[in-house]
Protein backbone atom coordinates (compact mmCIF):
# COMPACT_ATOMS: atom_id res chain seq x y z
CA MET A 1 102.94 125.05 139.33
CA ALA A 2 103.04 122.22 141.78
CA LYS A 3 101.54 118.60 140.99
CA ARG A 4 98.95 117.14 143.03
CA LEU A 5 100.32 113.22 143.69
CA THR A 6 98.95 109.98 144.56
CA LEU A 7 100.62 108.93 146.99
CA LEU A 8 99.87 105.05 148.25
CA ILE A 9 101.39 104.85 151.63
CA ASP A 10 102.07 101.48 153.93
CA ALA A 11 100.94 101.60 157.41
CA ASP A 12 103.38 99.33 159.49
CA ASP A 13 106.96 100.61 160.10
CA THR A 14 106.47 103.62 158.06
CA VAL A 15 103.30 105.48 160.15
CA LEU A 16 102.46 103.13 162.44
CA ASP A 17 105.59 101.88 164.51
CA PHE A 18 104.65 97.98 164.70
CA ASN A 19 107.63 97.39 165.96
CA ALA A 20 107.16 98.97 169.08
CA SER A 21 103.39 97.96 168.99
CA GLU A 22 104.74 94.23 168.72
CA TYR A 23 106.57 94.74 171.34
CA GLN A 24 104.13 95.84 174.11
CA ALA A 25 101.65 93.77 173.21
CA VAL A 26 104.03 90.47 173.73
CA VAL A 27 105.37 91.99 177.04
CA LYS A 28 101.95 92.66 178.39
CA LEU A 29 100.81 88.90 176.72
CA ALA A 30 103.70 87.64 178.90
CA GLU A 31 102.79 89.11 181.52
CA ASP A 32 98.45 88.37 181.79
CA TYR A 33 99.39 84.36 181.02
CA SER A 34 102.52 84.57 183.13
CA LEU A 35 103.99 83.25 179.95
CA GLY A 36 108.41 84.16 181.50
CA ASP A 37 110.22 86.37 180.66
CA GLY A 38 108.20 89.16 178.31
CA ASP A 39 111.74 90.90 176.69
CA ALA A 40 112.90 87.70 175.99
CA ILE A 41 109.63 86.17 175.19
CA ALA A 42 108.92 89.55 172.61
CA GLN A 43 112.40 89.29 171.07
CA GLU A 44 111.84 85.76 169.49
CA PHE A 45 108.49 86.40 168.69
CA LYS A 46 109.24 89.51 166.65
CA ARG A 47 111.92 87.11 164.87
CA ILE A 48 109.65 84.21 164.25
CA ASN A 49 106.81 86.74 163.21
CA ARG A 50 108.76 88.34 160.58
CA ARG A 51 110.17 85.40 159.07
CA MET A 52 106.34 84.35 158.89
CA TRP A 53 104.61 87.32 157.62
CA ASP A 54 107.55 86.83 154.64
CA MET A 55 106.04 84.12 153.97
CA PHE A 56 103.12 85.12 153.66
CA GLU A 57 103.96 87.77 151.17
CA ARG A 58 105.69 84.76 148.85
CA GLY A 59 102.37 83.30 149.46
CA GLU A 60 104.09 80.44 151.08
CA ILE A 61 101.30 80.70 154.06
CA THR A 62 97.76 82.09 154.78
CA ARG A 63 97.33 84.90 157.14
CA GLU A 64 94.50 82.61 158.98
CA GLU A 65 97.81 80.01 160.05
CA ILE A 66 100.22 83.03 161.14
CA PHE A 67 97.76 84.15 163.37
CA TYR A 68 98.51 80.25 165.75
CA THR A 69 101.29 78.79 163.67
CA ARG A 70 103.79 81.44 165.69
CA PHE A 71 102.24 80.70 168.96
CA TYR A 72 102.97 77.35 169.05
CA GLU A 73 106.81 78.08 167.65
CA LEU A 74 107.09 80.42 170.88
CA PHE A 75 106.06 78.21 173.22
CA ASP A 76 107.66 75.07 171.68
CA LYS A 77 111.08 77.06 171.74
CA PHE A 78 110.62 78.61 176.01
CA GLY A 79 108.90 74.89 176.62
CA ILE A 80 105.29 76.76 177.64
CA GLU A 81 102.60 74.19 177.88
CA GLY A 82 98.60 74.30 179.14
CA LYS A 83 98.27 77.39 177.49
CA ASP A 84 95.30 78.42 175.26
CA VAL A 85 97.61 79.08 171.87
CA THR A 86 94.16 80.38 170.27
CA LEU A 87 92.91 82.49 173.55
CA VAL A 88 97.01 83.71 173.47
CA GLY A 89 96.30 84.98 169.45
CA ASP A 90 93.61 86.72 170.03
CA ALA A 91 94.73 88.25 172.92
CA TYR A 92 98.10 88.96 171.26
CA ARG A 93 96.09 90.71 168.12
CA GLU A 94 93.84 92.99 170.69
CA ASN A 95 96.95 94.28 172.45
CA VAL A 96 98.26 95.55 168.63
CA ALA A 97 94.93 96.98 168.10
CA GLU A 98 94.68 98.85 171.07
CA SER A 99 98.53 100.46 170.17
CA THR A 100 98.46 103.77 169.64
CA CYS A 101 102.41 104.18 168.40
CA VAL A 102 103.01 106.16 165.82
CA ILE A 103 106.33 106.85 163.86
CA ARG A 104 108.14 110.29 164.95
CA GLY A 105 107.34 112.77 162.17
CA ALA A 106 104.52 110.71 160.33
CA ARG A 107 101.98 113.03 161.68
CA ALA A 108 102.84 116.01 160.79
CA PHE A 109 103.87 115.01 157.31
CA LEU A 110 100.60 113.75 157.04
CA GLU A 111 98.81 117.04 158.19
CA ARG A 112 100.88 118.64 155.90
CA THR A 113 101.14 117.07 152.89
CA VAL A 114 97.10 116.11 153.22
CA CYS A 115 96.40 119.63 151.81
CA GLU A 116 98.67 119.08 148.85
CA HIS A 117 98.37 115.48 147.93
CA ASP A 118 95.73 112.62 147.34
CA LEU A 119 96.88 110.12 150.46
CA TYR A 120 95.85 106.28 150.60
CA CYS A 121 96.55 103.57 152.67
CA VAL A 122 97.97 100.50 151.81
CA THR A 123 98.34 97.28 154.04
CA ASN A 124 98.67 93.96 154.50
CA GLY A 125 97.59 93.97 157.44
CA VAL A 126 94.79 92.38 159.61
CA THR A 127 91.45 94.45 158.99
CA ARG A 128 90.04 94.38 162.54
CA THR A 129 93.55 95.67 164.10
CA GLN A 130 94.44 97.89 161.38
CA LYS A 131 90.85 99.62 161.54
CA MET A 132 91.19 99.78 165.50
CA ARG A 133 95.02 101.52 165.22
CA PHE A 134 93.95 104.33 163.06
CA LYS A 135 91.26 105.13 164.60
CA ASN A 136 92.77 105.10 168.03
CA THR A 137 95.85 107.26 166.80
CA GLY A 138 93.69 109.22 164.91
CA LEU A 139 95.35 109.31 161.28
CA ASP A 140 92.24 107.21 159.88
CA LYS A 141 91.55 111.10 158.59
CA PHE A 142 94.64 111.83 156.88
CA PHE A 143 93.67 109.52 154.09
CA LYS A 144 91.09 108.97 151.47
CA LYS A 145 90.50 105.44 151.98
CA ILE A 146 92.48 102.43 153.47
CA TYR A 147 93.04 99.24 151.77
CA ILE A 148 93.54 96.46 154.01
CA SER A 149 94.33 93.61 152.13
CA GLN A 150 92.25 90.77 153.88
CA GLU A 151 89.11 93.61 153.16
CA ILE A 152 89.80 92.73 149.40
CA GLY A 153 91.36 89.46 149.29
CA LEU A 154 94.50 91.02 147.77
CA GLN A 155 98.19 91.48 149.19
CA LYS A 156 101.42 93.49 148.66
CA PRO A 157 104.07 92.99 146.09
CA ASN A 158 100.90 90.87 143.84
CA LYS A 159 100.13 93.36 140.68
CA ASP A 160 96.16 92.48 141.47
CA PHE A 161 96.60 94.35 144.73
CA PHE A 162 97.66 97.51 142.70
CA ASP A 163 95.09 97.07 139.97
CA TYR A 164 92.27 97.00 142.07
CA VAL A 165 93.70 99.81 143.85
CA LEU A 166 94.32 102.02 141.17
CA LYS A 167 91.11 101.10 139.55
CA ASP A 168 88.72 101.75 142.37
CA ILE A 169 90.86 105.51 142.86
CA GLY A 170 89.84 105.79 139.59
CA ILE A 171 94.29 106.26 138.16
CA THR A 172 94.40 105.46 134.52
CA GLN A 173 97.53 107.62 134.50
CA LYS A 174 100.51 106.08 136.50
CA GLU A 175 102.95 109.40 136.24
CA ASP A 176 101.92 110.77 139.51
CA VAL A 177 101.35 107.64 141.36
CA TYR A 178 104.15 107.22 144.29
CA ILE A 179 104.61 103.65 146.67
CA ILE A 180 105.98 105.13 150.17
CA GLY A 181 107.13 102.26 152.33
CA ASP A 182 109.11 100.36 154.50
CA SER A 183 109.85 96.52 152.77
CA LEU A 184 111.49 95.78 149.85
CA SER A 185 109.57 92.68 149.83
CA SER A 186 106.04 94.03 149.81
CA ASP A 187 106.01 97.36 148.78
CA ILE A 188 108.88 98.52 146.93
CA GLN A 189 108.76 94.89 144.69
CA GLY A 190 104.41 95.45 144.73
CA GLY A 191 105.32 99.49 143.01
CA ILE A 192 107.43 97.51 140.58
CA ASN A 193 105.31 95.17 139.83
CA ALA A 194 102.40 97.76 139.19
CA GLY A 195 104.49 99.92 137.00
CA ILE A 196 104.48 102.77 139.73
CA LYS A 197 107.32 105.14 141.17
CA THR A 198 108.41 103.84 144.54
CA VAL A 199 109.59 105.39 147.82
CA LEU A 200 112.27 102.97 150.36
CA PHE A 201 111.43 104.66 153.70
CA ASN A 202 114.95 103.28 155.17
CA ARG A 203 114.85 104.32 159.03
CA GLU A 204 117.04 101.09 159.72
CA ASN A 205 119.35 101.68 156.69
CA LYS A 206 118.22 98.01 155.05
CA GLN A 207 121.05 96.86 152.45
CA ILE A 208 119.53 96.95 148.61
CA LYS A 209 120.35 94.48 146.74
CA ASP A 210 117.97 92.48 144.24
CA VAL A 211 114.77 95.20 144.50
CA VAL A 212 115.86 98.63 143.87
CA PRO A 213 113.45 101.46 144.91
CA ASP A 214 113.36 104.78 142.42
CA TYR A 215 114.13 106.76 145.96
CA GLN A 216 114.83 106.33 149.49
CA VAL A 217 114.60 108.61 152.34
CA LYS A 218 115.52 108.31 156.18
CA ASN A 219 113.27 109.81 157.57
CA TYR A 220 110.17 111.93 157.51
CA ARG A 221 112.14 115.23 157.01
CA GLU A 222 113.78 113.66 154.00
CA LEU A 223 110.40 112.22 152.64
CA THR A 224 109.18 116.00 153.14
CA ARG A 225 111.80 117.28 150.93
CA LEU A 226 111.28 114.55 148.09
CA ILE A 227 107.59 115.40 147.96
CA ASP A 228 108.49 118.65 147.29
CA LYS A 229 110.39 118.25 144.42
CA LEU A 230 109.02 115.47 143.04
CA ALA A 231 105.48 117.65 142.78
CA LYS A 232 107.57 120.71 141.28
CA LYS A 233 109.41 117.77 138.93
CA GLU A 234 112.74 119.45 140.38
CA SER A 235 116.26 117.17 140.12
CA VAL A 236 116.63 114.47 142.80
């Protein structure tokens, strides 16, 4: 008989397509505020934003510092002047919140898996933005609860974040708990810190060096097969 697993599933670039949402949000921003070449600005913003969120995960910068510092840096890079950084930053987050971009295969996976396992979302995102995105996509209905770092005051990969989640769920035995996510530094390292099994959702074929997941998959077809095997305790 198959076991019922507890699956902690990351949001951005695991179920929600953040890359697509971010790109669309910045291109719209460039048009609405006459910032210049939307594609070029979106590509540069992606680099700046990713670096700053990596700093956030390492505890080097606060979430609030990210919100506007990234636009100061972006505007400096393109020589953009006379724009209200606060207004632009707020508009960007609003654009992302309205996004309905979902990773291919995610919805079908959740529809199938929710009947067989307990699904929880764990995300380092912004509370209002994430809640709106899940509501707009209709994916919120598949999760028993969505844990957002800003809302609970803790973040991945900190062990305290996972301790909070597991305690809130009522988990005392961790052998049937898995975290699924695309980030080695946040999801996989966090799972290691928490002493739970880890599954890297590796769509982009990231090179694995220091942080090694227990399992990795490239798409939802592979993930579905893996979860079925883990539930049946078959060799994988």
